[in-house]
Amino acid sequence: MSEASKRKYVFRIEDLARRAVDEYNKYRSPEAHAEILEVKGDIIIVKFTGSFCRTCGIRDWVEDYAYVLEDLGVEAELVEYIEPEDEESDYRIGVFRVKKWLKNNSIGVDS
C-alpha cells in the first residue's frame, strides 16, 4: 500500500470512528457516552463513561460500539477491554480492531 493510500485509509477509519461515536451517543447517552481517545492504523481506542458502569452487563455497553461500526459498514472486534483499578470509577476503555470493510459501507470504501 502506498503512503498516500495509507493516509487515506487512516483518515477513513478516523471518520468512521467519529461517526460511530455520534451514532452510539445518540441512542445510549446519558447512560453511556463514548469518546475517541486514539486511532492508530486499524485500531480505535474509545473511552466510555456514564452510569452504565454501575449496572450489570458493563462489557455489553462497550461491545455495542462494534455493532455500531458494523451498521456503518465495517466489521470490527473488541480486542481489549480495560477496567479501572478503582471499582467506583465511571469509565471503561474499549480497544477495537477494524477487521474488514463491508461492501456498500456508508463511507464509500470496499474491502
Protein backbone atom coordinates (compact mmCIF):
# COMPACT_ATOMS: atom_id res chain seq x y z
CA MET A 1 0.00 0.00 0.00
CA SER A 2 1.39 3.39 -0.97
CA GLU A 3 1.91 6.15 1.61
CA ALA A 4 -0.99 8.14 0.10
CA SER A 5 -3.26 5.10 0.32
CA LYS A 6 -2.30 4.54 3.96
CA ARG A 7 -3.14 8.16 4.84
CA LYS A 8 -6.49 7.87 3.04
CA TYR A 9 -7.24 4.59 4.87
CA VAL A 10 -6.39 6.09 8.29
CA PHE A 11 -8.48 9.17 7.52
CA ARG A 12 -11.44 6.98 6.64
CA ILE A 13 -11.08 4.98 9.84
CA GLU A 14 -10.95 8.22 11.83
CA ASP A 15 -14.07 9.46 10.04
CA LEU A 16 -15.79 6.15 10.65
CA ALA A 17 -14.82 6.18 14.34
CA ARG A 18 -16.26 9.69 14.78
CA ARG A 19 -19.49 8.77 13.02
CA ALA A 20 -19.82 5.62 15.12
CA VAL A 21 -19.32 7.65 18.33
CA ASP A 22 -22.01 10.11 17.24
CA GLU A 23 -24.39 7.24 16.50
CA TYR A 24 -23.54 5.42 19.72
CA ASN A 25 -24.12 8.52 21.83
CA LYS A 26 -27.34 9.36 20.00
CA TYR A 27 -29.02 6.21 21.32
CA ARG A 28 -27.16 5.43 24.55
CA SER A 29 -26.46 8.78 26.18
CA PRO A 30 -26.71 9.78 29.01
CA GLU A 31 -26.36 6.24 30.44
CA ALA A 32 -23.28 5.70 28.31
CA HIS A 33 -21.15 8.23 26.46
CA ALA A 34 -18.36 7.30 24.04
CA GLU A 35 -15.30 9.43 23.28
CA ILE A 36 -12.46 8.57 20.90
CA LEU A 37 -9.11 8.55 22.65
CA GLU A 38 -6.96 7.49 19.70
CA VAL A 39 -6.99 5.97 16.24
CA LYS A 40 -3.82 4.09 15.23
CA GLY A 41 -3.92 2.25 11.92
CA ASP A 42 -6.79 -0.20 12.19
CA ILE A 43 -7.12 0.27 15.98
CA ILE A 44 -9.77 2.53 17.56
CA ILE A 45 -9.48 3.28 21.28
CA VAL A 46 -12.68 4.53 22.89
CA LYS A 47 -13.43 5.71 26.42
CA PHE A 48 -16.94 5.01 27.71
CA THR A 49 -18.32 6.96 30.66
CA GLY A 50 -21.66 7.11 32.41
CA SER A 51 -23.96 5.47 34.89
CA PHE A 52 -23.86 2.18 32.94
CA CYS A 53 -20.64 1.46 34.86
CA ARG A 54 -22.74 0.76 37.94
CA THR A 55 -25.03 -1.79 36.28
CA CYS A 56 -24.90 -5.41 35.20
CA GLY A 57 -23.58 -6.14 31.73
CA ILE A 58 -20.98 -3.37 31.70
CA ARG A 59 -18.97 -5.04 28.96
CA ASP A 60 -22.07 -5.23 26.73
CA TRP A 61 -22.27 -1.42 26.65
CA VAL A 62 -18.68 -1.33 25.36
CA GLU A 63 -19.17 -4.18 22.87
CA ASP A 64 -22.15 -2.33 21.38
CA TYR A 65 -19.70 0.05 19.69
CA ALA A 66 -18.59 -2.82 17.41
CA TYR A 67 -22.22 -3.28 16.33
CA VAL A 68 -22.49 0.42 15.53
CA LEU A 69 -19.36 0.10 13.39
CA GLU A 70 -20.95 -2.85 11.61
CA ASP A 71 -24.09 -0.81 10.94
CA LEU A 72 -21.80 1.73 9.24
CA GLY A 73 -20.28 -0.99 7.03
CA VAL A 74 -17.19 -2.19 8.86
CA GLU A 75 -16.53 -5.46 10.64
CA ALA A 76 -14.67 -4.79 13.89
CA GLU A 77 -13.92 -6.64 17.09
CA LEU A 78 -13.30 -5.68 20.68
CA VAL A 79 -9.70 -6.82 21.23
CA GLU A 80 -9.17 -5.35 24.68
CA TYR A 81 -11.48 -4.28 27.48
CA ILE A 82 -9.85 -2.16 30.16
CA GLU A 83 -11.39 -1.63 33.59
CA PRO A 84 -10.01 0.92 36.03
CA GLU A 85 -8.40 -0.33 39.21
CA ASP A 86 -10.90 1.69 41.24
CA GLU A 87 -14.21 -0.20 41.00
CA GLU A 88 -16.14 3.01 41.69
CA SER A 89 -14.82 4.71 38.54
CA ASP A 90 -17.42 5.55 35.92
CA TYR A 91 -15.42 4.71 32.80
CA ARG A 92 -14.22 1.77 30.74
CA ILE A 93 -11.86 1.64 27.74
CA GLY A 94 -12.55 -0.41 24.64
CA VAL A 95 -9.87 -1.20 22.07
CA PHE A 96 -11.38 -2.18 18.72
CA ARG A 97 -9.69 -3.54 15.61
CA VAL A 98 -11.18 -2.96 12.18
CA LYS A 99 -11.15 -6.37 10.52
CA LYS A 100 -12.58 -5.53 7.11
CA TRP A 101 -14.69 -3.09 5.17
CA LEU A 102 -18.02 -4.49 4.13
CA LYS A 103 -19.46 -3.82 0.69
CA ASN A 104 -21.85 -0.90 0.49
CA ASN A 105 -20.48 0.67 3.64
CA SER A 106 -21.55 4.20 4.47
CA ILE A 107 -18.21 5.87 3.79
CA GLY A 108 -17.56 4.50 0.34
CA VAL A 109 -14.74 2.01 0.88
CA ASP A 110 -14.79 -1.59 -0.29
CA SER A 111 -12.58 -4.23 1.28
